[in-house]
């Protein structure tokens, strides 16, 4: 007679909370930068989103503003310490950094700390050619099967923009998952015995994978929805706006093309004030025209992220 063991299933709520501060993309973390704010969904929570808000505010003392559901992770090998099945429901939140959180082990981090190969504002990072390409090449050539080698090489070229392929900033998750499969990130150690890791701060559980999903969602979304304004102060210069978009997209934009595009979209209006305390000529201050959302669905409005310097 075989004894059956019933495994429990519970939902974990995970927040990818993003801000842009001084032209840098930031993410709110816990556990000394090793995890995202998270907690179990409980019967006392009236909804998943309400539960998420409760956990984030309890753990970080930071209120949530704009929030949208990101993705549900339900892989068969996701389990807690007791062996119970864990389903993670993740959310993307956009906010503004309010300085020190005042909570131990909680703080804001540059998201390129976790994905240094994703920041191409100043060109291709040296670590891509110096570290990632050689190690991916070794992984591709490590199979005795010619068809597997070819598929690996093609996948590496597409995801990292190699061998003449174009770089696609939206493929954040695909790049991380490729490095994971190749055994080049610390999170893969329990499966592969990884030793030759690439630079990038690891996170607990699969939180870096969830963060990659959030970055990819936001990079895609800023191209067709004006969500970047959720990250901006009430008044800002066009340079600050451009720097915020560049920070999120991880690539540079042509200054004049960007400004012309913003003017054509009629998304902002002058406040009549000038920025003070900056070097050079004072710059005009603008604000987001929220009434434009009432005038049109904004479906055709996007930011020219694909236009690089």
Protein backbone atom coordinates (compact mmCIF):
# COMPACT_ATOMS: atom_id res chain seq x y z
CA UNK A 1 0.00 0.00 0.00
CA UNK A 2 1.44 3.33 -1.08
CA UNK A 3 1.05 6.33 1.18
CA UNK A 4 0.19 9.52 -0.74
CA UNK A 5 1.45 12.91 0.38
CA UNK A 6 -0.79 15.86 -0.25
CA UNK A 7 1.13 18.98 -1.17
CA UNK A 8 -0.28 22.37 -0.31
CA UNK A 9 -0.48 25.26 -2.75
CA UNK A 10 -0.28 28.90 -1.77
CA UNK A 11 0.01 32.21 -3.60
CA UNK A 12 2.86 34.65 -3.10
CA UNK A 13 2.35 38.30 -4.03
CA UNK A 14 5.47 40.01 -5.45
CA UNK A 15 5.94 43.70 -6.29
CA UNK A 16 8.28 45.20 -8.88
CA UNK A 17 8.16 48.79 -7.67
CA UNK A 18 9.98 51.17 -10.03
CA UNK A 19 11.09 54.80 -9.80
CA UNK A 20 13.45 57.01 -11.81
CA UNK A 21 15.76 59.15 -9.64
CA UNK A 22 18.35 61.55 -11.06
CA UNK A 23 18.09 59.88 -14.43
CA UNK A 24 18.58 56.34 -13.12
CA UNK A 25 16.03 53.48 -13.02
CA UNK A 26 15.48 52.24 -9.47
CA UNK A 27 13.69 49.28 -7.91
CA UNK A 28 12.59 48.89 -4.30
CA UNK A 29 14.12 45.84 -2.63
CA UNK A 30 14.11 43.99 0.68
CA UNK A 31 16.51 41.56 2.36
CA UNK A 32 19.54 43.81 1.76
CA UNK A 33 18.88 44.14 -1.99
CA UNK A 34 18.43 40.38 -2.46
CA UNK A 35 14.63 40.23 -2.84
CA UNK A 36 11.56 42.11 -3.99
CA UNK A 37 8.76 43.06 -1.58
CA UNK A 38 6.60 39.94 -1.26
CA UNK A 39 4.24 38.07 1.01
CA UNK A 40 1.59 35.33 0.96
CA UNK A 41 -1.99 35.96 -0.08
CA UNK A 42 -4.11 35.54 3.03
CA UNK A 43 -7.80 35.01 3.64
CA UNK A 44 -8.02 38.44 5.27
CA UNK A 45 -7.04 40.12 1.99
CA UNK A 46 -10.10 41.26 0.06
CA UNK A 47 -8.26 40.90 -3.26
CA UNK A 48 -4.83 40.02 -4.67
CA UNK A 49 -3.98 43.67 -5.26
CA UNK A 50 -5.17 44.66 -1.80
CA UNK A 51 -2.95 41.95 -0.35
CA UNK A 52 -0.01 43.22 -2.36
CA UNK A 53 -0.55 46.77 -1.10
CA UNK A 54 -0.72 45.52 2.48
CA UNK A 55 2.55 43.59 2.18
CA UNK A 56 4.47 46.36 0.40
CA UNK A 57 3.37 49.04 2.84
CA UNK A 58 4.04 46.79 5.86
CA UNK A 59 7.51 45.75 4.66
CA UNK A 60 8.73 49.02 3.12
CA UNK A 61 6.49 51.79 4.53
CA UNK A 62 6.09 52.94 0.92
CA UNK A 63 2.52 53.48 -0.38
CA UNK A 64 1.64 52.11 -3.79
CA UNK A 65 0.30 54.31 -6.57
CA UNK A 66 -0.05 53.03 -10.15
CA UNK A 67 -0.14 49.22 -10.11
CA UNK A 68 -0.89 46.64 -12.79
CA UNK A 69 -0.71 42.85 -12.71
CA UNK A 70 2.46 41.63 -14.33
CA UNK A 71 2.61 37.86 -14.60
CA UNK A 72 1.77 34.68 -12.70
CA UNK A 73 4.66 32.27 -12.16
CA UNK A 74 3.46 28.72 -11.56
CA UNK A 75 6.35 26.48 -12.64
CA UNK A 76 6.18 22.96 -11.24
CA UNK A 77 9.51 23.26 -9.41
CA UNK A 78 8.54 26.35 -7.42
CA UNK A 79 8.17 25.32 -3.78
CA UNK A 80 8.59 26.68 -0.28
CA UNK A 81 10.67 25.30 2.59
CA UNK A 82 7.99 22.77 3.49
CA UNK A 83 7.79 21.48 -0.07
CA UNK A 84 4.44 23.14 -0.78
CA UNK A 85 3.71 24.42 -4.29
CA UNK A 86 4.13 28.19 -4.66
CA UNK A 87 2.37 30.31 -7.27
CA UNK A 88 3.73 33.85 -7.49
CA UNK A 89 1.42 36.61 -8.69
CA UNK A 90 3.57 39.60 -9.60
CA UNK A 91 2.65 43.25 -10.03
CA UNK A 92 4.38 46.24 -11.60
CA UNK A 93 4.12 49.50 -9.68
CA UNK A 94 5.32 52.96 -10.76
CA UNK A 95 6.15 55.56 -8.13
CA UNK A 96 8.72 58.14 -7.03
CA UNK A 97 11.58 57.49 -4.68
CA UNK A 98 11.09 59.27 -1.37
CA UNK A 99 14.64 58.94 -0.02
CA UNK A 100 15.55 56.60 2.81
CA UNK A 101 12.85 54.09 3.64
CA UNK A 102 13.62 54.06 7.36
CA UNK A 103 13.26 50.27 7.36
CA UNK A 104 16.22 47.95 7.92
CA UNK A 105 17.23 45.87 4.88
CA UNK A 106 14.84 47.84 2.63
CA UNK A 107 16.13 50.27 0.02
CA UNK A 108 16.16 51.48 -3.56
CA UNK A 109 18.64 49.94 -6.00
CA UNK A 110 19.71 50.76 -9.55
CA UNK A 111 18.12 48.00 -11.61
CA UNK A 112 21.25 47.75 -13.77
CA UNK A 113 22.96 46.39 -10.66
CA UNK A 114 21.04 43.19 -11.44
CA UNK A 115 21.28 43.37 -15.24
CA UNK A 116 24.45 45.32 -16.17
CA UNK A 117 24.34 44.05 -19.76
CA UNK A 118 21.00 45.84 -20.27
CA UNK A 119 22.39 49.39 -19.98
CA UNK A 120 23.39 50.55 -23.47
CA UNK A 121 22.99 54.29 -23.00
CA UNK A 122 26.74 54.73 -23.53
CA UNK A 123 27.04 51.90 -26.06
CA UNK A 124 27.49 48.17 -25.65
CA UNK A 125 28.91 47.37 -22.18
CA UNK A 126 32.40 45.91 -22.30
CA UNK A 127 31.28 42.90 -20.29
CA UNK A 128 29.18 41.71 -23.24
CA UNK A 129 32.20 41.21 -25.52
CA UNK A 130 34.69 40.43 -22.75
CA UNK A 131 32.65 38.04 -20.62
CA UNK A 132 29.20 37.13 -21.90
CA UNK A 133 30.02 36.37 -25.55
CA UNK A 134 32.99 34.06 -24.79
CA UNK A 135 31.04 32.14 -22.15
CA UNK A 136 27.93 31.85 -24.31
CA UNK A 137 30.13 30.70 -27.19
CA UNK A 138 31.64 27.99 -24.99
CA UNK A 139 28.15 26.91 -23.94
CA UNK A 140 26.95 26.81 -27.55
CA UNK A 141 29.89 24.68 -28.58
CA UNK A 142 29.58 22.45 -25.52
CA UNK A 143 27.01 20.14 -27.08
CA UNK A 144 28.06 17.18 -29.18
CA UNK A 145 24.84 17.53 -31.20
CA UNK A 146 25.31 19.83 -34.22
CA UNK A 147 21.63 20.80 -34.35
CA UNK A 148 21.66 21.79 -30.67
CA UNK A 149 24.81 23.86 -31.22
CA UNK A 150 23.14 25.65 -34.13
CA UNK A 151 19.97 26.38 -32.15
CA UNK A 152 21.99 27.71 -29.22
CA UNK A 153 24.07 29.96 -31.49
CA UNK A 154 20.95 31.33 -33.16
CA UNK A 155 19.27 31.98 -29.83
CA UNK A 156 22.35 33.77 -28.45
CA UNK A 157 22.59 35.92 -31.58
CA UNK A 158 18.93 36.95 -31.46
CA UNK A 159 18.76 37.68 -27.73
CA UNK A 160 22.08 39.53 -27.41
CA UNK A 161 22.18 41.15 -30.86
CA UNK A 162 25.20 39.18 -32.10
CA UNK A 163 26.38 38.25 -35.60
CA UNK A 164 24.55 41.15 -37.22
CA UNK A 165 21.27 40.69 -35.35
CA UNK A 166 19.65 43.85 -33.97
CA UNK A 167 19.54 44.52 -30.22
CA UNK A 168 15.96 44.38 -28.93
CA UNK A 169 15.71 46.14 -25.56
CA UNK A 170 12.42 44.38 -24.79
CA UNK A 171 14.05 40.91 -24.59
CA UNK A 172 15.21 41.35 -20.99
CA UNK A 173 13.62 38.14 -19.76
CA UNK A 174 14.85 36.08 -22.74
CA UNK A 175 18.44 37.21 -22.11
CA UNK A 176 18.28 36.35 -18.42
CA UNK A 177 16.70 32.97 -19.12
CA UNK A 178 19.39 32.20 -21.71
CA UNK A 179 22.13 32.99 -19.19
CA UNK A 180 20.28 30.86 -16.64
CA UNK A 181 20.03 27.91 -19.02
CA UNK A 182 23.71 28.28 -19.87
CA UNK A 183 24.55 28.13 -16.16
CA UNK A 184 26.01 31.64 -16.12
CA UNK A 185 24.00 33.17 -13.25
CA UNK A 186 24.24 32.22 -9.56
CA UNK A 187 20.52 31.39 -9.36
CA UNK A 188 21.20 28.39 -11.60
CA UNK A 189 23.63 26.81 -9.14
CA UNK A 190 21.18 24.30 -7.69
CA UNK A 191 20.52 22.93 -11.16
CA UNK A 192 23.84 23.26 -12.97
CA UNK A 193 26.62 23.59 -10.41
CA UNK A 194 27.48 26.93 -12.03
CA UNK A 195 31.02 28.26 -11.62
CA UNK A 196 31.61 30.75 -14.46
CA UNK A 197 28.99 33.37 -13.64
CA UNK A 198 28.63 36.74 -15.37
CA UNK A 199 28.47 40.03 -13.41
CA UNK A 200 25.11 40.98 -11.92
CA UNK A 201 23.66 40.93 -8.40
CA UNK A 202 21.68 37.71 -7.81
CA UNK A 203 18.38 37.64 -5.92
CA UNK A 204 16.61 35.11 -3.74
CA UNK A 205 14.24 32.53 -5.22
CA UNK A 206 13.33 33.63 -8.78
CA UNK A 207 12.95 37.31 -7.95
CA UNK A 208 15.53 38.38 -10.56
CA UNK A 209 13.46 36.59 -13.17
CA UNK A 210 10.39 38.47 -11.95
CA UNK A 211 12.33 41.74 -12.05
CA UNK A 212 13.42 40.99 -15.63
CA UNK A 213 9.78 40.47 -16.54
CA UNK A 214 8.87 43.83 -15.00
CA UNK A 215 11.64 45.67 -16.84
CA UNK A 216 10.61 44.09 -20.14
CA UNK A 217 6.96 45.03 -19.58
CA UNK A 218 7.83 48.64 -18.79
CA UNK A 219 10.23 48.97 -21.72
CA UNK A 220 7.53 47.79 -24.08
CA UNK A 221 4.80 49.84 -22.45
CA UNK A 222 6.55 53.23 -22.64
CA UNK A 223 6.47 52.92 -26.42
CA UNK A 224 2.70 53.03 -26.66
CA UNK A 225 1.36 54.40 -23.34
CA UNK A 226 2.45 57.58 -21.50
CA UNK A 227 3.18 55.66 -18.27
CA UNK A 228 6.59 57.35 -17.97
CA UNK A 229 4.77 60.40 -16.57
CA UNK A 230 3.81 58.32 -13.52
CA UNK A 231 7.51 58.41 -12.68
CA UNK A 232 8.02 62.12 -13.23
CA UNK A 233 7.58 64.97 -10.73
CA UNK A 234 4.69 67.36 -11.29
CA UNK A 235 7.01 69.73 -13.16
CA UNK A 236 10.04 68.70 -15.20
CA UNK A 237 12.32 69.78 -18.02
CA UNK A 238 12.34 68.03 -21.38
CA UNK A 239 15.90 66.89 -20.64
CA UNK A 240 14.72 65.22 -17.43
CA UNK A 241 11.94 63.52 -19.37
CA UNK A 242 14.36 62.29 -22.03
CA UNK A 243 16.78 61.01 -19.39
CA UNK A 244 13.96 59.10 -17.70
CA UNK A 245 12.96 57.40 -20.95
CA UNK A 246 16.59 56.59 -21.76
CA UNK A 247 17.12 55.18 -18.27
CA UNK A 248 14.16 52.83 -18.63
CA UNK A 249 14.90 51.80 -22.22
CA UNK A 250 18.62 51.39 -21.64
CA UNK A 251 19.53 53.25 -24.82
CA UNK A 252 20.18 56.80 -25.96
CA UNK A 253 17.74 58.98 -27.88
CA UNK A 254 18.36 61.73 -30.40
CA UNK A 255 17.66 64.98 -28.52
CA UNK A 256 15.98 66.95 -31.30
CA UNK A 257 13.97 63.99 -32.56
CA UNK A 258 12.75 63.30 -29.03
CA UNK A 259 11.67 66.89 -28.42
CA UNK A 260 9.98 67.15 -31.78
CA UNK A 261 8.08 63.94 -31.11
CA UNK A 262 6.93 65.08 -27.66
CA UNK A 263 5.66 68.36 -29.16
CA UNK A 264 3.83 66.52 -31.96
CA UNK A 265 2.12 64.21 -29.48
CA UNK A 266 0.95 67.22 -27.44
CA UNK A 267 1.51 65.30 -24.22
CA UNK A 268 3.05 68.15 -22.24
CA UNK A 269 2.49 71.86 -21.74
CA UNK A 270 4.67 74.66 -20.44
CA UNK A 271 4.10 75.76 -16.86
CA UNK A 272 5.47 79.26 -17.45
CA UNK A 273 8.25 78.65 -14.91
CA UNK A 274 11.94 77.96 -15.38
CA UNK A 275 14.15 75.38 -13.71
CA UNK A 276 16.55 76.88 -11.18
CA UNK A 277 19.74 75.67 -9.61
CA UNK A 278 21.02 74.02 -12.80
CA UNK A 279 24.17 74.70 -14.78
CA UNK A 280 23.86 76.62 -18.04
CA UNK A 281 20.77 78.39 -19.32
CA UNK A 282 17.59 77.97 -17.25
CA UNK A 283 15.30 75.42 -18.88
CA UNK A 284 11.54 75.62 -19.29
CA UNK A 285 9.43 73.54 -16.96
CA UNK A 286 6.65 71.36 -18.35
CA UNK A 287 3.85 69.23 -16.94
CA UNK A 288 1.96 66.25 -18.30
CA UNK A 289 -1.39 67.09 -19.90
CA UNK A 290 -3.56 64.58 -18.07
CA UNK A 291 -6.60 65.95 -19.83
CA UNK A 292 -5.21 64.49 -23.04
CA UNK A 293 -6.30 61.09 -21.73
CA UNK A 294 -9.87 62.35 -21.79
CA UNK A 295 -9.52 63.84 -25.27
CA UNK A 296 -8.28 60.68 -26.93
CA UNK A 297 -7.53 57.07 -26.09
CA UNK A 298 -3.80 57.75 -26.66
CA UNK A 299 -3.53 54.41 -28.46
CA UNK A 300 -1.49 55.98 -31.24
CA UNK A 301 0.86 57.83 -28.92
CA UNK A 302 4.28 56.42 -28.25
CA UNK A 303 7.77 57.51 -27.37
CA UNK A 304 10.56 57.21 -29.99
CA UNK A 305 12.62 54.70 -28.06
CA UNK A 306 13.88 53.01 -31.21
CA UNK A 307 15.68 56.18 -32.33
CA UNK A 308 19.13 55.98 -30.88
CA UNK A 309 21.92 58.53 -30.89
